N, C-alpha and C. Protein backbone atom coordinates (compact mmCIF):
# COMPACT_ATOMS: atom_id res chain seq x y z
N MET A 1 -31.58 -20.36 -14.13
CA MET A 1 -30.30 -19.88 -14.65
C MET A 1 -29.39 -21.02 -15.20
N HIS A 2 -28.82 -20.86 -16.19
CA HIS A 2 -27.86 -21.88 -16.89
C HIS A 2 -26.75 -22.19 -15.96
N PRO A 3 -26.45 -23.54 -15.83
CA PRO A 3 -25.36 -23.94 -14.95
C PRO A 3 -24.00 -23.27 -15.24
N GLU A 4 -23.74 -23.01 -16.57
CA GLU A 4 -22.51 -22.32 -16.98
C GLU A 4 -22.44 -20.92 -16.38
N SER A 5 -23.58 -20.25 -16.51
CA SER A 5 -23.78 -18.85 -15.93
C SER A 5 -23.54 -18.91 -14.49
N VAL A 6 -24.04 -19.81 -13.77
CA VAL A 6 -23.78 -19.90 -12.34
C VAL A 6 -22.29 -20.12 -12.05
N THR A 7 -21.69 -20.99 -12.63
CA THR A 7 -20.20 -21.17 -12.58
C THR A 7 -19.41 -19.98 -12.82
N ASN A 8 -19.77 -19.28 -13.94
CA ASN A 8 -18.99 -18.03 -14.17
C ASN A 8 -19.24 -17.00 -13.08
N LEU A 9 -20.47 -16.99 -12.68
CA LEU A 9 -20.72 -15.89 -11.59
C LEU A 9 -20.08 -16.26 -10.34
N LYS A 10 -19.98 -17.57 -9.94
CA LYS A 10 -19.22 -17.98 -8.77
C LYS A 10 -17.89 -17.68 -8.95
N THR A 11 -17.21 -18.00 -10.00
CA THR A 11 -15.80 -17.69 -10.36
C THR A 11 -15.52 -16.29 -10.20
N LYS A 12 -16.36 -15.50 -10.74
CA LYS A 12 -16.14 -13.90 -10.68
C LYS A 12 -16.22 -13.43 -9.26
N HIS A 13 -17.17 -13.95 -8.53
CA HIS A 13 -17.37 -13.46 -7.11
C HIS A 13 -16.15 -14.09 -6.17
N MET A 14 -15.65 -15.34 -6.55
CA MET A 14 -14.52 -15.68 -5.81
C MET A 14 -13.24 -15.03 -6.04
N LYS A 15 -13.12 -14.48 -7.27
CA LYS A 15 -11.91 -13.69 -7.58
C LYS A 15 -12.10 -12.36 -6.83
N THR A 16 -13.16 -11.76 -6.76
CA THR A 16 -13.44 -10.57 -6.09
C THR A 16 -13.25 -10.70 -4.60
N ILE A 17 -13.64 -11.82 -4.04
CA ILE A 17 -13.47 -12.00 -2.70
C ILE A 17 -11.98 -12.32 -2.36
N ARG A 18 -11.25 -13.08 -3.24
CA ARG A 18 -9.79 -13.24 -2.99
C ARG A 18 -9.04 -11.90 -3.03
N THR A 19 -9.44 -11.04 -3.99
CA THR A 19 -8.68 -9.75 -4.11
C THR A 19 -9.04 -8.88 -2.82
N PHE A 20 -10.16 -8.97 -2.34
CA PHE A 20 -10.60 -8.21 -1.22
C PHE A 20 -9.86 -8.79 0.02
N LEU A 21 -9.78 -10.07 0.22
CA LEU A 21 -9.02 -10.64 1.33
C LEU A 21 -7.60 -10.29 1.27
N LYS A 22 -7.01 -10.32 -0.03
CA LYS A 22 -5.61 -9.93 -0.12
C LYS A 22 -5.32 -8.58 0.41
N LEU A 23 -6.19 -7.68 -0.15
CA LEU A 23 -6.00 -6.23 0.28
C LEU A 23 -6.28 -6.10 1.85
N THR A 24 -7.28 -6.76 2.42
CA THR A 24 -7.44 -6.66 3.82
C THR A 24 -6.33 -7.16 4.68
N PHE A 25 -5.75 -8.40 4.21
CA PHE A 25 -4.62 -8.90 4.99
C PHE A 25 -3.42 -7.99 4.94
N LEU A 26 -3.19 -7.57 3.64
CA LEU A 26 -2.01 -6.67 3.45
C LEU A 26 -2.13 -5.44 4.28
N THR A 27 -3.31 -4.80 4.18
CA THR A 27 -3.53 -3.65 5.03
C THR A 27 -3.28 -3.90 6.51
N MET A 28 -3.82 -5.08 7.01
CA MET A 28 -3.63 -5.46 8.35
C MET A 28 -2.22 -5.65 8.67
N GLY A 29 -1.48 -6.27 7.74
CA GLY A 29 -0.12 -6.47 7.99
C GLY A 29 0.69 -5.28 8.04
N VAL A 30 0.30 -4.19 7.18
CA VAL A 30 0.89 -2.90 7.25
C VAL A 30 0.66 -2.22 8.56
N LEU A 31 -0.57 -2.38 9.10
CA LEU A 31 -0.87 -1.69 10.32
C LEU A 31 -0.13 -2.30 11.48
N LEU A 32 0.23 -3.61 11.37
CA LEU A 32 0.86 -4.27 12.42
C LEU A 32 2.41 -4.18 12.48
N THR A 33 2.95 -3.86 11.28
CA THR A 33 4.48 -3.91 11.18
C THR A 33 5.09 -2.61 11.68
N THR A 34 6.34 -2.83 12.04
CA THR A 34 7.14 -1.74 12.38
C THR A 34 8.44 -1.73 11.84
N ALA A 35 9.22 -0.67 11.82
CA ALA A 35 10.59 -0.66 11.18
C ALA A 35 11.42 -1.54 12.04
N ASP A 36 12.63 -1.65 11.59
CA ASP A 36 13.68 -2.41 12.16
C ASP A 36 13.75 -2.08 13.63
N SER A 37 13.72 -2.95 14.60
CA SER A 37 13.66 -2.73 15.94
C SER A 37 15.12 -2.44 16.38
N ASN A 38 16.13 -2.87 15.64
CA ASN A 38 17.46 -2.50 15.91
C ASN A 38 17.91 -1.13 15.71
N GLY A 39 17.00 -0.42 14.97
CA GLY A 39 17.40 0.96 14.55
C GLY A 39 18.38 0.98 13.47
N GLN A 40 18.60 -0.08 12.74
CA GLN A 40 19.53 -0.07 11.68
C GLN A 40 18.86 0.54 10.34
N GLY A 41 17.64 0.49 10.29
CA GLY A 41 16.92 1.04 9.20
C GLY A 41 17.08 0.12 7.85
N ILE A 42 16.61 0.66 6.81
CA ILE A 42 16.71 0.02 5.55
C ILE A 42 18.07 -0.05 5.01
N PRO A 43 18.49 -1.22 4.52
CA PRO A 43 19.81 -1.34 3.90
C PRO A 43 20.06 -0.40 2.79
N SER A 44 21.26 0.14 2.52
CA SER A 44 21.51 0.97 1.37
C SER A 44 21.63 0.30 0.09
N ALA A 45 21.76 -1.08 0.16
CA ALA A 45 21.72 -1.88 -0.98
C ALA A 45 20.77 -3.04 -0.87
N TRP A 46 20.30 -3.55 -1.94
CA TRP A 46 19.28 -4.64 -1.99
C TRP A 46 20.02 -5.79 -1.37
N GLN A 47 19.27 -6.56 -0.46
CA GLN A 47 19.78 -7.70 0.19
C GLN A 47 19.06 -8.87 -0.30
N PRO A 48 19.72 -10.07 -0.43
CA PRO A 48 19.11 -11.25 -0.87
C PRO A 48 17.86 -11.63 -0.05
N GLY A 49 16.81 -11.92 -0.74
CA GLY A 49 15.56 -12.20 -0.06
C GLY A 49 14.57 -10.93 0.23
N MET A 50 15.09 -9.84 -0.06
CA MET A 50 14.37 -8.50 0.28
C MET A 50 13.27 -8.38 -0.80
N LYS A 51 12.11 -7.95 -0.33
CA LYS A 51 10.89 -7.78 -1.27
C LYS A 51 10.08 -6.63 -0.85
N ILE A 52 9.43 -6.08 -1.87
CA ILE A 52 8.51 -4.89 -1.58
C ILE A 52 7.28 -5.21 -2.38
N THR A 53 6.13 -4.98 -1.86
CA THR A 53 4.76 -5.18 -2.51
C THR A 53 3.96 -3.88 -2.34
N MET A 54 3.47 -3.43 -3.41
CA MET A 54 2.56 -2.36 -3.43
C MET A 54 1.28 -2.75 -3.87
N THR A 55 0.09 -2.54 -3.26
CA THR A 55 -1.20 -2.91 -3.64
C THR A 55 -2.07 -1.71 -3.67
N TYR A 56 -2.85 -1.56 -4.69
CA TYR A 56 -3.97 -0.67 -4.77
C TYR A 56 -5.32 -1.29 -4.97
N GLY A 57 -6.17 -0.82 -4.24
CA GLY A 57 -7.62 -1.25 -4.34
C GLY A 57 -8.50 -0.12 -4.71
N GLY A 58 -9.43 -0.28 -5.51
CA GLY A 58 -10.28 0.78 -6.12
C GLY A 58 -11.48 1.19 -5.43
N GLY A 59 -11.48 0.93 -4.02
CA GLY A 59 -12.68 1.37 -3.30
C GLY A 59 -13.87 0.32 -3.61
N MET A 60 -14.97 1.03 -3.89
CA MET A 60 -16.14 0.18 -4.21
C MET A 60 -16.10 -0.50 -5.71
N ARG A 61 -15.24 0.09 -6.53
CA ARG A 61 -15.09 -0.38 -7.89
C ARG A 61 -14.22 -1.67 -7.81
N PRO A 62 -14.61 -2.65 -8.59
CA PRO A 62 -13.78 -3.94 -8.52
C PRO A 62 -12.56 -3.77 -9.38
N PHE A 63 -11.68 -3.21 -8.81
CA PHE A 63 -10.38 -2.90 -9.41
C PHE A 63 -9.19 -2.96 -8.38
N SER A 64 -8.11 -3.62 -8.79
CA SER A 64 -7.00 -3.72 -7.84
C SER A 64 -5.80 -3.97 -8.75
N ASP A 65 -4.61 -3.50 -8.33
CA ASP A 65 -3.28 -3.82 -8.82
C ASP A 65 -2.23 -3.97 -7.94
N THR A 66 -1.27 -4.77 -8.27
CA THR A 66 -0.21 -5.18 -7.35
C THR A 66 1.15 -5.10 -8.07
N VAL A 67 2.04 -4.58 -7.45
CA VAL A 67 3.46 -4.54 -7.94
C VAL A 67 4.27 -5.30 -6.89
N PHE A 68 5.06 -6.32 -7.36
CA PHE A 68 5.82 -7.14 -6.42
C PHE A 68 7.28 -7.20 -6.99
N ILE A 69 8.32 -6.82 -6.08
CA ILE A 69 9.58 -6.73 -6.63
C ILE A 69 10.46 -7.51 -5.58
N SER A 70 11.25 -8.32 -6.07
CA SER A 70 12.26 -9.11 -5.25
C SER A 70 13.43 -9.38 -6.26
N ASP A 71 14.52 -9.97 -5.65
CA ASP A 71 15.64 -10.31 -6.48
C ASP A 71 15.37 -11.51 -7.26
N ALA A 72 14.26 -12.33 -6.92
CA ALA A 72 14.07 -13.57 -7.69
C ALA A 72 12.96 -13.36 -8.76
N VAL A 73 11.95 -12.54 -8.53
CA VAL A 73 10.92 -12.30 -9.46
C VAL A 73 10.29 -10.97 -9.23
N CYS A 74 9.81 -10.25 -10.42
CA CYS A 74 9.15 -9.04 -10.32
C CYS A 74 7.99 -9.23 -11.10
N TYR A 75 6.76 -8.56 -10.78
CA TYR A 75 5.67 -8.60 -11.56
C TYR A 75 4.69 -7.39 -11.20
N TYR A 76 3.86 -7.18 -12.23
CA TYR A 76 2.72 -6.30 -12.14
C TYR A 76 1.53 -7.03 -12.42
N SER A 77 0.40 -6.98 -11.62
CA SER A 77 -0.81 -7.62 -11.92
C SER A 77 -1.94 -6.68 -11.64
N ALA A 78 -3.05 -7.00 -12.43
CA ALA A 78 -4.26 -6.11 -12.20
C ALA A 78 -5.43 -6.99 -12.38
N SER A 79 -6.48 -6.53 -11.72
CA SER A 79 -7.85 -7.08 -11.87
C SER A 79 -8.75 -5.97 -12.05
N ASP A 80 -9.45 -5.94 -13.13
CA ASP A 80 -10.34 -4.88 -13.55
C ASP A 80 -11.60 -5.47 -13.85
N GLU A 81 -12.54 -5.40 -12.91
CA GLU A 81 -13.91 -5.98 -13.04
C GLU A 81 -13.80 -7.43 -13.59
N GLY A 82 -12.94 -8.25 -12.98
CA GLY A 82 -12.81 -9.69 -13.27
C GLY A 82 -11.82 -10.05 -14.40
N LYS A 83 -11.29 -8.94 -15.17
CA LYS A 83 -10.37 -9.34 -16.22
C LYS A 83 -9.00 -9.12 -15.48
N LEU A 84 -8.31 -10.27 -15.56
CA LEU A 84 -6.98 -10.27 -14.90
C LEU A 84 -5.82 -10.19 -16.02
N SER A 85 -4.86 -9.44 -15.57
CA SER A 85 -3.60 -9.34 -16.43
C SER A 85 -2.35 -9.36 -15.53
N ARG A 86 -1.28 -9.79 -16.04
CA ARG A 86 0.01 -9.79 -15.40
C ARG A 86 1.07 -9.90 -16.27
N PHE A 87 2.21 -9.14 -15.89
CA PHE A 87 3.40 -9.36 -16.74
C PHE A 87 4.52 -9.30 -15.69
N GLU A 88 5.49 -10.26 -16.02
CA GLU A 88 6.69 -10.19 -15.19
C GLU A 88 7.78 -9.55 -15.86
N PHE A 89 8.76 -9.13 -15.03
CA PHE A 89 9.90 -8.38 -15.51
C PHE A 89 11.16 -8.62 -14.49
N THR A 90 12.32 -8.15 -14.96
CA THR A 90 13.43 -8.42 -14.17
C THR A 90 14.13 -7.12 -13.89
N LEU A 91 14.60 -6.97 -12.69
CA LEU A 91 15.34 -5.77 -12.39
C LEU A 91 16.88 -6.13 -12.23
N THR A 92 17.70 -5.20 -12.77
CA THR A 92 19.23 -5.49 -12.53
C THR A 92 19.47 -5.24 -11.04
N GLN A 93 20.62 -5.76 -10.71
CA GLN A 93 21.18 -5.50 -9.21
C GLN A 93 21.30 -3.94 -9.06
N LYS A 94 21.77 -3.19 -10.06
CA LYS A 94 21.82 -1.76 -10.01
C LYS A 94 20.51 -1.14 -9.76
N GLU A 95 19.46 -1.57 -10.42
CA GLU A 95 18.08 -1.04 -10.22
C GLU A 95 17.64 -1.39 -8.83
N LEU A 96 17.79 -2.63 -8.44
CA LEU A 96 17.45 -3.03 -7.12
C LEU A 96 18.22 -2.22 -5.98
N ASP A 97 19.44 -2.07 -6.13
CA ASP A 97 20.34 -1.23 -5.20
C ASP A 97 19.71 0.25 -5.26
N GLY A 98 19.41 0.67 -6.35
CA GLY A 98 18.83 2.04 -6.43
C GLY A 98 17.56 2.23 -5.75
N LEU A 99 16.65 1.15 -5.72
CA LEU A 99 15.44 1.10 -5.08
C LEU A 99 15.70 1.16 -3.59
N ALA A 100 16.55 0.29 -3.19
CA ALA A 100 16.85 0.18 -1.63
C ALA A 100 17.43 1.66 -1.08
N LEU A 101 18.25 2.12 -1.99
CA LEU A 101 18.78 3.47 -1.53
C LEU A 101 17.78 4.54 -1.45
N PHE A 102 16.93 4.53 -2.50
CA PHE A 102 15.79 5.54 -2.49
C PHE A 102 14.81 5.32 -1.35
N LEU A 103 14.49 4.09 -0.94
CA LEU A 103 13.64 3.75 0.21
C LEU A 103 14.30 4.23 1.49
N ARG A 104 15.67 4.11 1.58
CA ARG A 104 16.37 4.58 2.79
C ARG A 104 16.44 6.08 2.72
N GLN A 105 16.76 6.74 1.61
CA GLN A 105 16.76 8.23 1.60
C GLN A 105 15.38 8.77 2.00
N ARG A 106 14.32 8.11 1.53
CA ARG A 106 12.96 8.68 1.81
C ARG A 106 12.48 8.20 3.21
N LYS A 107 13.33 7.45 3.93
CA LYS A 107 13.01 7.12 5.32
C LYS A 107 11.75 6.37 5.35
N PHE A 108 11.53 5.41 4.38
CA PHE A 108 10.32 4.66 4.25
C PHE A 108 9.99 3.89 5.63
N ASP A 109 11.00 3.51 6.29
CA ASP A 109 10.77 2.70 7.52
C ASP A 109 10.28 3.65 8.62
N LYS A 110 10.21 4.99 8.47
CA LYS A 110 9.79 5.87 9.54
C LYS A 110 8.37 6.32 9.29
N ILE A 111 7.83 6.04 8.16
CA ILE A 111 6.41 6.56 7.79
C ILE A 111 5.49 5.78 8.64
N ARG A 112 4.62 6.58 9.27
CA ARG A 112 3.58 5.94 10.22
C ARG A 112 2.15 6.42 9.74
N GLU A 113 1.16 5.69 10.02
CA GLU A 113 -0.10 6.13 9.72
C GLU A 113 -0.84 6.73 10.85
N GLY A 114 -1.84 7.50 10.63
CA GLY A 114 -2.67 8.06 11.77
C GLY A 114 -4.12 8.13 11.23
N ALA A 115 -4.99 8.04 12.17
CA ALA A 115 -6.37 8.11 11.85
C ALA A 115 -6.80 9.44 11.23
N LYS A 116 -7.57 9.41 10.16
CA LYS A 116 -8.14 10.61 9.55
C LYS A 116 -9.22 11.05 10.37
N PRO A 117 -9.43 12.45 10.25
CA PRO A 117 -10.48 13.08 11.10
C PRO A 117 -11.96 12.59 10.69
N THR A 118 -12.16 12.29 9.47
CA THR A 118 -13.40 11.78 8.75
C THR A 118 -13.20 10.54 7.97
N PHE A 119 -14.39 9.82 7.77
CA PHE A 119 -14.31 8.70 6.97
C PHE A 119 -14.67 9.16 5.52
N THR A 120 -13.88 8.53 4.56
CA THR A 120 -14.21 8.82 3.09
C THR A 120 -14.72 7.59 2.49
N TYR A 121 -15.96 7.78 2.05
CA TYR A 121 -16.65 6.66 1.38
C TYR A 121 -15.99 6.42 -0.01
N ASP A 122 -16.00 5.19 -0.35
CA ASP A 122 -15.45 4.76 -1.71
C ASP A 122 -14.14 5.26 -2.12
N LYS A 123 -13.20 5.39 -1.14
CA LYS A 123 -11.86 5.78 -1.31
C LYS A 123 -11.03 4.52 -1.63
N GLY A 124 -10.21 4.53 -2.59
CA GLY A 124 -9.32 3.47 -2.84
C GLY A 124 -8.20 3.45 -1.69
N SER A 125 -7.55 2.38 -1.68
CA SER A 125 -6.52 2.19 -0.78
C SER A 125 -5.20 1.84 -1.41
N THR A 126 -4.13 2.32 -0.90
CA THR A 126 -2.74 1.91 -1.37
C THR A 126 -1.90 1.47 -0.11
N SER A 127 -1.32 0.31 -0.28
CA SER A 127 -0.36 -0.20 0.80
C SER A 127 0.92 -0.60 0.16
N ILE A 128 1.99 -0.17 0.92
CA ILE A 128 3.26 -0.55 0.53
C ILE A 128 3.99 -1.32 1.69
N LEU A 129 4.52 -2.57 1.42
CA LEU A 129 5.02 -3.41 2.41
C LEU A 129 6.53 -3.76 2.04
N LEU A 130 7.43 -3.45 2.81
CA LEU A 130 8.82 -3.81 2.60
C LEU A 130 9.31 -4.82 3.58
N GLN A 131 9.93 -5.91 3.06
CA GLN A 131 10.44 -6.98 3.94
C GLN A 131 11.99 -7.14 3.68
N TRP A 132 12.75 -7.24 4.61
CA TRP A 132 14.12 -7.62 4.57
C TRP A 132 14.62 -8.46 5.82
N GLY A 133 15.23 -9.47 5.62
CA GLY A 133 15.61 -10.28 6.77
C GLY A 133 14.26 -10.64 7.50
N ASP A 134 14.34 -10.29 8.91
CA ASP A 134 13.19 -10.50 9.69
C ASP A 134 12.56 -9.15 10.13
N HIS A 135 12.81 -8.21 9.16
CA HIS A 135 12.42 -6.74 9.51
C HIS A 135 11.27 -6.41 8.42
N PHE A 136 10.35 -5.54 8.88
CA PHE A 136 9.28 -5.06 7.97
C PHE A 136 9.02 -3.61 8.26
N ALA A 137 8.76 -2.95 7.15
CA ALA A 137 8.20 -1.62 7.18
C ALA A 137 7.09 -1.45 6.12
N GLY A 138 6.08 -0.67 6.62
CA GLY A 138 4.89 -0.53 5.76
C GLY A 138 4.17 0.68 6.01
N ALA A 139 3.44 1.16 5.07
CA ALA A 139 2.61 2.35 5.16
C ALA A 139 1.53 2.23 4.10
N GLY A 140 0.44 2.98 4.24
CA GLY A 140 -0.62 2.95 3.39
C GLY A 140 -1.75 3.88 3.70
N THR A 141 -2.67 4.06 2.87
CA THR A 141 -3.85 4.93 2.91
C THR A 141 -5.11 4.07 2.75
N SER A 142 -6.16 4.38 3.27
CA SER A 142 -7.60 3.70 3.03
C SER A 142 -8.64 4.74 3.42
N ALA A 143 -9.91 4.23 3.44
CA ALA A 143 -10.99 5.03 3.60
C ALA A 143 -10.93 5.62 5.06
N SER A 144 -10.37 4.94 6.09
CA SER A 144 -10.35 5.41 7.38
C SER A 144 -8.87 5.79 7.85
N LEU A 145 -7.93 5.60 7.06
CA LEU A 145 -6.46 5.91 7.46
C LEU A 145 -5.90 6.75 6.42
N GLU A 146 -5.09 7.76 6.92
CA GLU A 146 -4.39 8.69 6.03
C GLU A 146 -3.00 8.94 6.62
N LEU A 147 -2.05 9.17 5.73
CA LEU A 147 -0.73 9.47 6.19
C LEU A 147 -0.66 10.89 6.82
N GLU A 148 0.24 11.03 7.68
CA GLU A 148 0.43 12.41 8.22
C GLU A 148 1.00 13.29 7.15
N ASP A 149 0.65 14.56 7.07
CA ASP A 149 0.95 15.44 5.98
C ASP A 149 2.42 15.37 5.70
N LYS A 150 3.28 15.47 6.75
CA LYS A 150 4.70 15.49 6.52
C LYS A 150 5.40 14.30 5.95
N GLN A 151 4.59 13.25 6.02
CA GLN A 151 5.12 11.99 5.53
C GLN A 151 4.50 11.47 4.14
N LYS A 152 3.36 12.24 3.79
CA LYS A 152 2.71 11.90 2.56
C LYS A 152 3.63 12.09 1.36
N GLU A 153 4.55 13.15 1.39
CA GLU A 153 5.39 13.36 0.29
C GLU A 153 6.32 12.14 0.08
N ASP A 154 6.91 11.67 1.07
CA ASP A 154 7.74 10.48 1.04
C ASP A 154 7.08 9.24 0.48
N PHE A 155 5.90 8.99 1.05
CA PHE A 155 5.15 7.85 0.52
C PHE A 155 4.74 7.97 -0.96
N ASP A 156 4.34 9.13 -1.26
CA ASP A 156 3.93 9.39 -2.67
C ASP A 156 5.14 9.21 -3.60
N ALA A 157 6.28 9.74 -3.19
CA ALA A 157 7.68 9.50 -3.87
C ALA A 157 7.95 8.08 -4.11
N VAL A 158 7.80 7.25 -3.09
CA VAL A 158 8.10 5.91 -3.19
C VAL A 158 7.11 5.16 -4.11
N ARG A 159 5.76 5.50 -3.98
CA ARG A 159 4.76 4.92 -4.83
C ARG A 159 5.07 5.37 -6.32
N ASN A 160 5.39 6.55 -6.56
CA ASN A 160 5.81 6.95 -7.88
C ASN A 160 6.99 6.31 -8.50
N TYR A 161 7.98 6.16 -7.66
CA TYR A 161 9.20 5.39 -8.05
C TYR A 161 8.92 3.99 -8.49
N LEU A 162 8.02 3.31 -7.63
CA LEU A 162 7.68 1.96 -8.10
C LEU A 162 6.87 1.89 -9.39
N ASP A 163 5.97 2.91 -9.40
CA ASP A 163 5.17 2.90 -10.80
C ASP A 163 6.04 3.21 -12.02
N GLN A 164 7.04 4.02 -11.78
CA GLN A 164 8.05 4.33 -12.84
C GLN A 164 8.80 3.12 -13.22
N LEU A 165 9.28 2.31 -12.27
CA LEU A 165 10.02 1.04 -12.58
C LEU A 165 9.13 0.14 -13.35
N VAL A 166 7.90 0.01 -13.03
CA VAL A 166 7.02 -0.92 -13.70
C VAL A 166 6.74 -0.38 -15.18
N ALA A 167 6.55 0.95 -15.17
CA ALA A 167 6.31 1.58 -16.52
C ALA A 167 7.47 1.44 -17.47
N SER A 168 8.69 1.52 -17.03
CA SER A 168 9.90 1.49 -17.75
C SER A 168 10.00 0.07 -18.31
N HIS A 169 9.65 -0.93 -17.54
CA HIS A 169 9.84 -2.28 -18.01
C HIS A 169 8.65 -2.75 -18.83
N SER A 170 7.59 -2.18 -18.66
CA SER A 170 6.39 -2.42 -19.42
C SER A 170 6.63 -1.90 -20.87
N LYS A 171 7.25 -0.80 -21.04
CA LYS A 171 7.64 -0.21 -22.36
C LYS A 171 8.58 -1.14 -23.09
N ARG A 172 9.55 -1.67 -22.43
CA ARG A 172 10.51 -2.62 -22.88
C ARG A 172 9.80 -3.72 -23.60
N LYS A 173 8.73 -4.26 -22.99
CA LYS A 173 8.15 -5.46 -23.51
C LYS A 173 7.33 -5.16 -24.71
N ASN A 174 6.86 -3.93 -24.90
CA ASN A 174 5.99 -3.63 -26.03
C ASN A 174 6.79 -3.41 -27.25
């Protein structure tokens, strides 16, 4: 095999492994986190340093995407069979406050995961992790974990809200 081909193959596999590890650690982090232990819940306005990360993994298909939102930087990144793309955008304070209020209204910090009755092969996973101060809230789905039916609606609404924020800023760039 040509040395350049070996290097390209190693690079491609390393990117896949890094993506897998990111998804694994994010999922583990979501499983280990709990909502605000003081019972205060999510603030109704965006706090300095607050951030939310949504990650989707395509199951056995080498695809993943990430949405990251904070008061300092926001971005959407995707990896599709080794092809990487990323764009950054900025949210106004009003948009950030609207997101915080929406998360609070949807009681995102109360969403919990439970084991699914059966294992789904080749199912993608979605994880959302919110951090503010020293507090965390997270939820997600994967091949062996699924949300409770009553909380799935709130989780899907948060996921769709984040997707719409990205889409609205993506359209502004084009």
